[in-house]
Amino acid sequence: MNNGIIILGIIGLLFLSIYGFSYLSVAREKMNQKKHQQKELEKSELRRQARIKNQELIDERVRQFNKRKEEIQHELMLLKKMKEKQKVS
């Protein structure tokens, strides 16, 4: 009877250790997946921020270009007016 209890105890410990090992491996795999997912989210966030920064830079350059274009048009208009005044005089 004593030997039977010891054998059942050993078999029980064996099953518990197998269950624990399989549970830990699954838990470890889930943790790795979460880490990988978090890294991908961080990468995508960095890419998004870089796109936003590049778009802001492009927008600023377009604004500067348009401002300069307006300044040139204004100068051309003034020169045209000055030329007309010289013709009249």
PDB file of N, CA and C in Angstrom:
ATOM      1  N   MET A   1       0.815  -1.193   0.000  1.00  0.00           N
ATOM      2  CA  MET A   1       0.000   0.000   0.000  1.00  0.00           C
ATOM      3  C   MET A   1       0.858   1.257   0.000  1.00  0.00           C
ATOM      4  N   ASN A   2       1.936   1.218   0.792  1.00  0.00           N
ATOM      5  CA  ASN A   2       2.844   2.363   0.832  1.00  0.00           C
ATOM      6  C   ASN A   2       3.481   2.611  -0.527  1.00  0.00           C
ATOM      7  N   ASN A   3       3.872   1.518  -1.182  1.00  0.00           N
ATOM      8  CA  ASN A   3       4.501   1.656  -2.499  1.00  0.00           C
ATOM      9  C   ASN A   3       3.509   2.224  -3.516  1.00  0.00           C
ATOM     10  N   GLY A   4       2.276   1.864  -3.415  1.00  0.00           N
ATOM     11  CA  GLY A   4       1.249   2.358  -4.336  1.00  0.00           C
ATOM     12  C   GLY A   4       1.051   3.865  -4.187  1.00  0.00           C
ATOM     13  N   ILE A   5       1.043   4.346  -2.955  1.00  0.00           N
ATOM     14  CA  ILE A   5       0.880   5.778  -2.708  1.00  0.00           C
ATOM     15  C   ILE A   5       2.083   6.537  -3.244  1.00  0.00           C
ATOM     16  N   ILE A   6       3.267   5.987  -3.033  1.00  0.00           N
ATOM     17  CA  ILE A   6       4.492   6.634  -3.526  1.00  0.00           C
ATOM     18  C   ILE A   6       4.483   6.680  -5.048  1.00  0.00           C
ATOM     19  N   ILE A   7       4.092   5.579  -5.680  1.00  0.00           N
ATOM     20  CA  ILE A   7       4.040   5.538  -7.145  1.00  0.00           C
ATOM     21  C   ILE A   7       2.999   6.530  -7.664  1.00  0.00           C
ATOM     22  N   LEU A   8       1.815   6.576  -7.042  1.00  0.00           N
ATOM     23  CA  LEU A   8       0.797   7.542  -7.451  1.00  0.00           C
ATOM     24  C   LEU A   8       1.280   8.982  -7.239  1.00  0.00           C
ATOM     25  N   GLY A   9       2.013   9.208  -6.153  1.00  0.00           N
ATOM     26  CA  GLY A   9       2.571  10.538  -5.900  1.00  0.00           C
ATOM     27  C   GLY A   9       3.576  10.930  -6.974  1.00  0.00           C
ATOM     28  N   ILE A  10       4.427   9.977  -7.349  1.00  0.00           N
ATOM     29  CA  ILE A  10       5.428  10.247  -8.396  1.00  0.00           C
ATOM     30  C   ILE A  10       4.737  10.514  -9.732  1.00  0.00           C
ATOM     31  N   ILE A  11       3.728   9.715 -10.061  1.00  0.00           N
ATOM     32  CA  ILE A  11       2.989   9.915 -11.315  1.00  0.00           C
ATOM     33  C   ILE A  11       2.271  11.274 -11.286  1.00  0.00           C
ATOM     34  N   GLY A  12       1.690  11.615 -10.139  1.00  0.00           N
ATOM     35  CA  GLY A  12       1.037  12.925  -9.997  1.00  0.00           C
ATOM     36  C   GLY A  12       2.030  14.066 -10.187  1.00  0.00           C
ATOM     37  N   LEU A  13       3.208  13.950  -9.563  1.00  0.00           N
ATOM     38  CA  LEU A  13       4.235  14.979  -9.741  1.00  0.00           C
ATOM     39  C   LEU A  13       4.696  15.052 -11.194  1.00  0.00           C
ATOM     40  N   LEU A  14       4.801  13.904 -11.840  1.00  0.00           N
ATOM     41  CA  LEU A  14       5.188  13.866 -13.251  1.00  0.00           C
ATOM     42  C   LEU A  14       4.165  14.607 -14.105  1.00  0.00           C
ATOM     43  N   PHE A  15       2.881  14.340 -13.891  1.00  0.00           N
ATOM     44  CA  PHE A  15       1.839  15.039 -14.646  1.00  0.00           C
ATOM     45  C   PHE A  15       1.833  16.535 -14.341  1.00  0.00           C
ATOM     46  N   LEU A  16       2.016  16.893 -13.071  1.00  0.00           N
ATOM     47  CA  LEU A  16       2.078  18.308 -12.714  1.00  0.00           C
ATOM     48  C   LEU A  16       3.268  19.001 -13.370  1.00  0.00           C
ATOM     49  N   SER A  17       4.413  18.321 -13.412  1.00  0.00           N
ATOM     50  CA  SER A  17       5.586  18.940 -14.035  1.00  0.00           C
ATOM     51  C   SER A  17       5.385  19.092 -15.554  1.00  0.00           C
ATOM     52  N   ILE A  18       4.748  18.103 -16.195  1.00  0.00           N
ATOM     53  CA  ILE A  18       4.467  18.205 -17.634  1.00  0.00           C
ATOM     54  C   ILE A  18       3.490  19.341 -17.884  1.00  0.00           C
ATOM     55  N   TYR A  19       2.452  19.440 -17.075  1.00  0.00           N
ATOM     56  CA  TYR A  19       1.470  20.513 -17.213  1.00  0.00           C
ATOM     57  C   TYR A  19       2.132  21.870 -16.987  1.00  0.00           C
ATOM     58  N   GLY A  20       2.939  21.962 -15.945  1.00  0.00           N
ATOM     59  CA  GLY A  20       3.638  23.219 -15.659  1.00  0.00           C
ATOM     60  C   GLY A  20       4.576  23.615 -16.786  1.00  0.00           C
ATOM     61  N   PHE A  21       5.311  22.680 -17.340  1.00  0.00           N
ATOM     62  CA  PHE A  21       6.223  22.965 -18.442  1.00  0.00           C
ATOM     63  C   PHE A  21       5.457  23.460 -19.665  1.00  0.00           C
ATOM     64  N   SER A  22       4.357  22.776 -19.990  1.00  0.00           N
ATOM     65  CA  SER A  22       3.578  23.193 -21.170  1.00  0.00           C
ATOM     66  C   SER A  22       2.922  24.556 -20.924  1.00  0.00           C
ATOM     67  N   TYR A  23       2.451  24.792 -19.718  1.00  0.00           N
ATOM     68  CA  TYR A  23       1.843  26.082 -19.408  1.00  0.00           C
ATOM     69  C   TYR A  23       2.878  27.195 -19.492  1.00  0.00           C
ATOM     70  N   LEU A  24       4.064  26.951 -18.941  1.00  0.00           N
ATOM     71  CA  LEU A  24       5.119  27.967 -18.983  1.00  0.00           C
ATOM     72  C   LEU A  24       5.564  28.258 -20.415  1.00  0.00           C
ATOM     73  N   SER A  25       5.653  27.232 -21.235  1.00  0.00           N
ATOM     74  CA  SER A  25       6.070  27.474 -22.620  1.00  0.00           C
ATOM     75  C   SER A  25       5.018  28.285 -23.372  1.00  0.00           C
ATOM     76  N   VAL A  26       3.745  27.997 -23.113  1.00  0.00           N
ATOM     77  CA  VAL A  26       2.674  28.778 -23.751  1.00  0.00           C
ATOM     78  C   VAL A  26       2.693  30.211 -23.221  1.00  0.00           C
ATOM     79  N   ALA A  27       2.859  30.368 -21.929  1.00  0.00           N
ATOM     80  CA  ALA A  27       2.901  31.705 -21.332  1.00  0.00           C
ATOM     81  C   ALA A  27       4.093  32.488 -21.868  1.00  0.00           C
ATOM     82  N   ARG A  28       5.236  31.834 -21.996  1.00  0.00           N
ATOM     83  CA  ARG A  28       6.429  32.486 -22.525  1.00  0.00           C
ATOM     84  C   ARG A  28       6.208  32.916 -23.976  1.00  0.00           C
ATOM     85  N   GLU A  29       5.558  32.064 -24.760  1.00  0.00           N
ATOM     86  CA  GLU A  29       5.266  32.395 -26.160  1.00  0.00           C
ATOM     87  C   GLU A  29       4.316  33.595 -26.250  1.00  0.00           C
ATOM     88  N   LYS A  30       3.318  33.642 -25.376  1.00  0.00           N
ATOM     89  CA  LYS A  30       2.398  34.784 -25.362  1.00  0.00           C
ATOM     90  C   LYS A  30       3.138  36.067 -24.993  1.00  0.00           C
ATOM     91  N   MET A  31       4.040  35.985 -24.024  1.00  0.00           N
ATOM     92  CA  MET A  31       4.817  37.158 -23.637  1.00  0.00           C
ATOM     93  C   MET A  31       5.682  37.630 -24.797  1.00  0.00           C
ATOM     94  N   ASN A  32       6.291  36.703 -25.513  1.00  0.00           N
ATOM     95  CA  ASN A  32       7.109  37.067 -26.666  1.00  0.00           C
ATOM     96  C   ASN A  32       6.264  37.718 -27.752  1.00  0.00           C
ATOM     97  N   GLN A  33       5.054  37.191 -27.972  1.00  0.00           N
ATOM     98  CA  GLN A  33       4.164  37.783 -28.966  1.00  0.00           C
ATOM     99  C   GLN A  33       3.772  39.211 -28.565  1.00  0.00           C
ATOM    100  N   LYS A  34       3.493  39.409 -27.284  1.00  0.00           N
ATOM    101  CA  LYS A  34       3.129  40.747 -26.808  1.00  0.00           C
ATOM    102  C   LYS A  34       4.296  41.718 -26.979  1.00  0.00           C
ATOM    103  N   LYS A  35       5.514  41.250 -26.678  1.00  0.00           N
ATOM    104  CA  LYS A  35       6.688  42.106 -26.854  1.00  0.00           C
ATOM    105  C   LYS A  35       6.861  42.471 -28.326  1.00  0.00           C
ATOM    106  N   HIS A  36       6.712  41.480 -29.190  1.00  0.00           N
ATOM    107  CA  HIS A  36       6.849  41.714 -30.625  1.00  0.00           C
ATOM    108  C   HIS A  36       5.774  42.688 -31.108  1.00  0.00           C
ATOM    109  N   GLN A  37       4.561  42.494 -30.629  1.00  0.00           N
ATOM    110  CA  GLN A  37       3.449  43.373 -31.008  1.00  0.00           C
ATOM    111  C   GLN A  37       3.717  44.801 -30.524  1.00  0.00           C
ATOM    112  N   GLN A  38       4.244  44.942 -29.318  1.00  0.00           N
ATOM    113  CA  GLN A  38       4.557  46.257 -28.770  1.00  0.00           C
ATOM    114  C   GLN A  38       5.651  46.934 -29.601  1.00  0.00           C
ATOM    115  N   LYS A  39       6.667  46.166 -29.993  1.00  0.00           N
ATOM    116  CA  LYS A  39       7.733  46.731 -30.820  1.00  0.00           C
ATOM    117  C   LYS A  39       7.190  47.188 -32.163  1.00  0.00           C
ATOM    118  N   GLU A  40       6.293  46.412 -32.753  1.00  0.00           N
ATOM    119  CA  GLU A  40       5.696  46.791 -34.034  1.00  0.00           C
ATOM    120  C   GLU A  40       4.869  48.066 -33.889  1.00  0.00           C
ATOM    121  N   LEU A  41       4.132  48.182 -32.778  1.00  0.00           N
ATOM    122  CA  LEU A  41       3.357  49.400 -32.535  1.00  0.00           C
ATOM    123  C   LEU A  41       4.276  50.610 -32.391  1.00  0.00           C
ATOM    124  N   GLU A  42       5.389  50.430 -31.684  1.00  0.00           N
ATOM    125  CA  GLU A  42       6.336  51.529 -31.516  1.00  0.00           C
ATOM    126  C   GLU A  42       6.939  51.929 -32.859  1.00  0.00           C
ATOM    127  N   LYS A  43       7.292  50.928 -33.685  1.00  0.00           N
ATOM    128  CA  LYS A  43       7.854  51.219 -35.006  1.00  0.00           C
ATOM    129  C   LYS A  43       6.843  51.963 -35.868  1.00  0.00           C
ATOM    130  N   SER A  44       5.602  51.507 -35.852  1.00  0.00           N
ATOM    131  CA  SER A  44       4.585  52.167 -36.665  1.00  0.00           C
ATOM    132  C   SER A  44       4.330  53.589 -36.163  1.00  0.00           C
ATOM    133  N   GLU A  45       4.390  53.798 -34.856  1.00  0.00           N
ATOM    134  CA  GLU A  45       4.215  55.135 -34.294  1.00  0.00           C
ATOM    135  C   GLU A  45       5.373  56.044 -34.719  1.00  0.00           C
ATOM    136  N   LEU A  46       6.591  55.514 -34.701  1.00  0.00           N
ATOM    137  CA  LEU A  46       7.740  56.303 -35.152  1.00  0.00           C
ATOM    138  C   LEU A  46       7.623  56.652 -36.629  1.00  0.00           C
ATOM    139  N   ARG A  47       7.173  55.680 -37.434  1.00  0.00           N
ATOM    140  CA  ARG A  47       6.991  55.958 -38.865  1.00  0.00           C
ATOM    141  C   ARG A  47       5.915  57.017 -39.078  1.00  0.00           C
ATOM    142  N   ARG A  48       4.841  56.941 -38.308  1.00  0.00           N
ATOM    143  CA  ARG A  48       3.758  57.914 -38.427  1.00  0.00           C
ATOM    144  C   ARG A  48       4.250  59.310 -38.053  1.00  0.00           C
ATOM    145  N   GLN A  49       5.013  59.389 -36.959  1.00  0.00           N
ATOM    146  CA  GLN A  49       5.540  60.681 -36.542  1.00  0.00           C
ATOM    147  C   GLN A  49       6.510  61.240 -37.580  1.00  0.00           C
ATOM    148  N   ALA A  50       7.315  60.363 -38.190  1.00  0.00           N
ATOM    149  CA  ALA A  50       8.248  60.815 -39.226  1.00  0.00           C
ATOM    150  C   ALA A  50       7.485  61.333 -40.437  1.00  0.00           C
ATOM    151  N   ARG A  51       6.401  60.631 -40.817  1.00  0.00           N
ATOM    152  CA  ARG A  51       5.587  61.101 -41.945  1.00  0.00           C
ATOM    153  C   ARG A  51       4.963  62.464 -41.637  1.00  0.00           C
ATOM    154  N   ILE A  52       4.480  62.631 -40.416  1.00  0.00           N
ATOM    155  CA  ILE A  52       3.878  63.905 -40.017  1.00  0.00           C
ATOM    156  C   ILE A  52       4.924  65.012 -40.069  1.00  0.00           C
ATOM    157  N   LYS A  53       6.120  64.723 -39.544  1.00  0.00           N
ATOM    158  CA  LYS A  53       7.186  65.721 -39.543  1.00  0.00           C
ATOM    159  C   LYS A  53       7.578  66.089 -40.970  1.00  0.00           C
ATOM    160  N   ASN A  54       7.696  65.088 -41.851  1.00  0.00           N
ATOM    161  CA  ASN A  54       8.029  65.358 -43.247  1.00  0.00           C
ATOM    162  C   ASN A  54       6.932  66.161 -43.927  1.00  0.00           C
ATOM    163  N   GLN A  55       5.687  65.836 -43.634  1.00  0.00           N
ATOM    164  CA  GLN A  55       4.579  66.573 -44.231  1.00  0.00           C
ATOM    165  C   GLN A  55       4.576  68.024 -43.754  1.00  0.00           C
ATOM    166  N   GLU A  56       4.875  68.245 -42.476  1.00  0.00           N
ATOM    167  CA  GLU A  56       4.954  69.610 -41.959  1.00  0.00           C
ATOM    168  C   GLU A  56       6.075  70.382 -42.645  1.00  0.00           C
ATOM    169  N   LEU A  57       7.208  69.704 -42.870  1.00  0.00           N
ATOM    170  CA  LEU A  57       8.323  70.341 -43.559  1.00  0.00           C
ATOM    171  C   LEU A  57       7.936  70.712 -44.987  1.00  0.00           C
ATOM    172  N   ILE A  58       7.267  69.802 -45.668  1.00  0.00           N
ATOM    173  CA  ILE A  58       6.813  70.071 -47.036  1.00  0.00           C
ATOM    174  C   ILE A  58       5.818  71.228 -47.041  1.00  0.00           C
ATOM    175  N   ASP A  59       4.882  71.214 -46.099  1.00  0.00           N
ATOM    176  CA  ASP A  59       3.887  72.292 -46.012  1.00  0.00           C
ATOM    177  C   ASP A  59       4.561  73.642 -45.776  1.00  0.00           C
ATOM    178  N   GLU A  60       5.571  73.666 -44.906  1.00  0.00           N
ATOM    179  CA  GLU A  60       6.287  74.912 -44.629  1.00  0.00           C
ATOM    180  C   GLU A  60       7.004  75.413 -45.883  1.00  0.00           C
ATOM    181  N   ARG A  61       7.622  74.516 -46.610  1.00  0.00           N
ATOM    182  CA  ARG A  61       8.304  74.915 -47.849  1.00  0.00           C
ATOM    183  C   ARG A  61       7.314  75.423 -48.887  1.00  0.00           C
ATOM    184  N   VAL A  62       6.161  74.809 -48.967  1.00  0.00           N
ATOM    185  CA  VAL A  62       5.131  75.264 -49.909  1.00  0.00           C
ATOM    186  C   VAL A  62       4.649  76.660 -49.517  1.00  0.00           C
ATOM    187  N   ARG A  63       4.452  76.876 -48.214  1.00  0.00           N
ATOM    188  CA  ARG A  63       4.032  78.205 -47.749  1.00  0.00           C
ATOM    189  C   ARG A  63       5.095  79.265 -48.092  1.00  0.00           C
ATOM    190  N   GLN A  64       6.362  78.916 -47.867  1.00  0.00           N
ATOM    191  CA  GLN A  64       7.436  79.854 -48.193  1.00  0.00           C
ATOM    192  C   GLN A  64       7.476  80.125 -49.698  1.00  0.00           C
ATOM    193  N   PHE A  65       7.304  79.094 -50.484  1.00  0.00           N
ATOM    194  CA  PHE A  65       7.303  79.254 -51.935  1.00  0.00           C
ATOM    195  C   PHE A  65       6.157  80.161 -52.373  1.00  0.00           C
ATOM    196  N   ASN A  66       4.959  79.916 -51.834  1.00  0.00           N
ATOM    197  CA  ASN A  66       3.802  80.741 -52.188  1.00  0.00           C
ATOM    198  C   ASN A  66       3.995  82.185 -51.750  1.00  0.00           C
ATOM    199  N   LYS A  67       4.579  82.383 -50.572  1.00  0.00           N
ATOM    200  CA  LYS A  67       4.834  83.732 -50.088  1.00  0.00           C
ATOM    201  C   LYS A  67       5.813  84.442 -51.020  1.00  0.00           C
ATOM    202  N   ARG A  68       6.856  83.749 -51.386  1.00  0.00           N
ATOM    203  CA  ARG A  68       7.849  84.337 -52.296  1.00  0.00           C
ATOM    204  C   ARG A  68       7.218  84.627 -53.660  1.00  0.00           C
ATOM    205  N   LYS A  69       6.346  83.736 -54.123  1.00  0.00           N
ATOM    206  CA  LYS A  69       5.661  83.939 -55.398  1.00  0.00           C
ATOM    207  C   LYS A  69       4.816  85.209 -55.345  1.00  0.00           C
ATOM    208  N   GLU A  70       4.100  85.416 -54.260  1.00  0.00           N
ATOM    209  CA  GLU A  70       3.284  86.613 -54.099  1.00  0.00           C
ATOM    210  C   GLU A  70       4.153  87.864 -54.053  1.00  0.00           C
ATOM    211  N   GLU A  71       5.281  87.782 -53.364  1.00  0.00           N
ATOM    212  CA  GLU A  71       6.195  88.917 -53.311  1.00  0.00           C
ATOM    213  C   GLU A  71       6.705  89.271 -54.705  1.00  0.00           C
ATOM    214  N   ILE A  72       7.062  88.267 -55.479  1.00  0.00           N
ATOM    215  CA  ILE A  72       7.553  88.502 -56.838  1.00  0.00           C
ATOM    216  C   ILE A  72       6.458  89.106 -57.702  1.00  0.00           C
ATOM    217  N   GLN A  73       5.246  88.585 -57.589  1.00  0.00           N
ATOM    218  CA  GLN A  73       4.131  89.137 -58.360  1.00  0.00           C
ATOM    219  C   GLN A  73       3.875  90.593 -57.984  1.00  0.00           C
ATOM    220  N   HIS A  74       3.973  90.889 -56.701  1.00  0.00           N
ATOM    221  CA  HIS A  74       3.779  92.261 -56.236  1.00  0.00           C
ATOM    222  C   HIS A  74       4.870  93.171 -56.812  1.00  0.00           C
ATOM    223  N   GLU A  75       6.114  92.703 -56.770  1.00  0.00           N
ATOM    224  CA  GLU A  75       7.216  93.483 -57.326  1.00  0.00           C
ATOM    225  C   GLU A  75       7.031  93.699 -58.827  1.00  0.00           C
ATOM    226  N   LEU A  76       6.603  92.661 -59.529  1.00  0.00           N
ATOM    227  CA  LEU A  76       6.362  92.795 -60.973  1.00  0.00           C
ATOM    228  C   LEU A  76       5.265  93.822 -61.252  1.00  0.00           C
ATOM    229  N   MET A  77       4.225  93.808 -60.441  1.00  0.00           N
ATOM    230  CA  MET A  77       3.143  94.766 -60.604  1.00  0.00           C
ATOM    231  C   MET A  77       3.653  96.191 -60.376  1.00  0.00           C
ATOM    232  N   LEU A  78       4.468  96.373 -59.341  1.00  0.00           N
ATOM    233  CA  LEU A  78       5.035  97.701 -59.075  1.00  0.00           C
ATOM    234  C   LEU A  78       5.925  98.150 -60.224  1.00  0.00           C
ATOM    235  N   LEU A  79       6.732  97.240 -60.755  1.00  0.00           N
ATOM    236  CA  LEU A  79       7.598  97.585 -61.882  1.00  0.00           C
ATOM    237  C   LEU A  79       6.779  97.958 -63.113  1.00  0.00           C
ATOM    238  N   LYS A  80       5.697  97.224 -63.318  1.00  0.00           N
ATOM    239  CA  LYS A  80       4.807  97.523 -64.449  1.00  0.00           C
ATOM    240  C   LYS A  80       4.210  98.918 -64.303  1.00  0.00           C
ATOM    241  N   LYS A  81       3.778  99.265 -63.093  1.00  0.00           N
ATOM    242  CA  LYS A  81       3.219 100.579 -62.832  1.00  0.00           C
ATOM    243  C   LYS A  81       4.261 101.667 -63.036  1.00  0.00           C
ATOM    244  N   MET A  82       5.486 101.401 -62.565  1.00  0.00           N
ATOM    245  CA  MET A  82       6.558 102.371 -62.757  1.00  0.00           C
ATOM    246  C   MET A  82       6.855 102.558 -64.243  1.00  0.00           C
ATOM    247  N   LYS A  83       6.826 101.505 -65.010  1.00  0.00           N
ATOM    248  CA  LYS A  83       7.082 101.579 -66.442  1.00  0.00           C
ATOM    249  C   LYS A  83       5.996 102.399 -67.140  1.00  0.00           C
ATOM    250  N   GLU A  84       4.744 102.194 -66.729  1.00  0.00           N
ATOM    251  CA  GLU A  84       3.633 102.947 -67.297  1.00  0.00           C
ATOM    252  C   GLU A  84       3.761 104.435 -66.961  1.00  0.00           C
ATOM    253  N   LYS A  85       4.187 104.752 -65.752  1.00  0.00           N
ATOM    254  CA  LYS A  85       4.383 106.155 -65.350  1.00  0.00           C
ATOM    255  C   LYS A  85       5.493 106.797 -66.167  1.00  0.00           C
ATOM    256  N   GLN A  86       6.530 106.028 -66.446  1.00  0.00           N
ATOM    257  CA  GLN A  86       7.635 106.568 -67.251  1.00  0.00           C
ATOM    258  C   GLN A  86       7.182 106.821 -68.687  1.00  0.00           C
ATOM    259  N   LYS A  87       6.312 105.972 -69.205  1.00  0.00           N
ATOM    260  CA  LYS A  87       5.809 106.144 -70.555  1.00  0.00           C
ATOM    261  C   LYS A  87       4.934 107.395 -70.640  1.00  0.00           C
ATOM    262  N   VAL A  88       4.155 107.647 -69.601  1.00  0.00           N
ATOM    263  CA  VAL A  88       3.238 108.786 -69.577  1.00  0.00           C
ATOM    264  C   VAL A  88       4.039 110.086 -69.472  1.00  0.00           C
ATOM    265  N   SER A  89       5.106 110.074 -68.726  1.00  0.00           N
ATOM    266  CA  SER A  89       5.887 111.283 -68.501  1.00  0.00           C
ATOM    267  C   SER A  89       6.686 111.711 -69.690  1.00  0.00           C
TER     268      SER A  89
END
